[in-house]
Amino acid sequence: MIDLDHNATTPVADEVIQEMQDMFERVCANPSSARGPGQAARRVLAARGTG
């Protein structure tokens, strides 16, 4: 059987995994938070064009 349904099983590109890993290591805060760590996370995301 050939499964062409990638809705829930699409492989993640290596560069996406690397970017996520970098963010997990650098910024561990909720960017929606009004507190300092969250605002720092928001700034990092905005600088990367993802926020």
Protein backbone atom coordinates (compact mmCIF):
# COMPACT_ATOMS: atom_id res chain seq x y z
CA MET A 1 0.00 0.00 0.00
CA ILE A 2 1.21 3.51 -0.81
CA ASP A 3 0.24 6.09 1.79
CA LEU A 4 0.04 9.57 0.28
CA ASP A 5 -1.52 11.17 3.37
CA HIS A 6 1.05 13.52 4.88
CA ASN A 7 -1.37 15.50 7.05
CA ALA A 8 -0.01 14.11 10.30
CA THR A 9 3.11 12.31 9.15
CA THR A 10 5.01 14.76 6.96
CA PRO A 11 8.74 14.37 7.58
CA VAL A 12 10.35 17.45 9.12
CA ALA A 13 13.16 19.02 7.09
CA ASP A 14 16.60 18.82 8.70
CA GLU A 15 17.00 22.62 8.69
CA VAL A 16 13.70 22.98 10.56
CA ILE A 17 14.83 20.51 13.21
CA GLN A 18 18.12 22.39 13.60
CA GLU A 19 16.35 25.75 13.94
CA MET A 20 13.99 24.32 16.55
CA GLN A 21 16.89 22.79 18.48
CA ASP A 22 18.73 26.12 18.47
CA MET A 23 15.65 27.89 19.82
CA PHE A 24 15.03 25.26 22.51
CA GLU A 25 18.61 25.69 23.73
CA ARG A 26 18.67 29.51 23.59
CA VAL A 27 15.21 30.60 24.64
CA CYS A 28 12.93 28.62 26.89
CA ALA A 29 10.02 30.96 27.54
CA ASN A 30 6.55 31.76 26.28
CA PRO A 31 6.86 34.64 23.78
CA SER A 32 3.27 35.64 24.58
CA SER A 33 4.20 36.32 28.21
CA ALA A 34 4.40 39.87 29.51
CA ARG A 35 7.31 38.93 31.78
CA GLY A 36 10.98 39.47 30.96
CA PRO A 37 11.93 35.98 29.72
CA GLY A 38 8.86 35.88 27.48
CA GLN A 39 9.64 39.27 26.02
CA ALA A 40 13.22 38.15 25.35
CA ALA A 41 11.86 35.11 23.52
CA ARG A 42 9.57 37.38 21.50
CA ARG A 43 12.51 39.57 20.48
CA VAL A 44 14.55 36.55 19.35
CA LEU A 45 11.66 35.25 17.26
CA ALA A 46 11.03 38.68 15.75
CA ALA A 47 14.70 39.05 14.85
CA ARG A 48 14.56 35.70 13.04
CA GLY A 49 11.44 36.74 11.19
CA THR A 50 9.30 34.05 12.82
CA GLY A 51 7.33 36.05 15.34
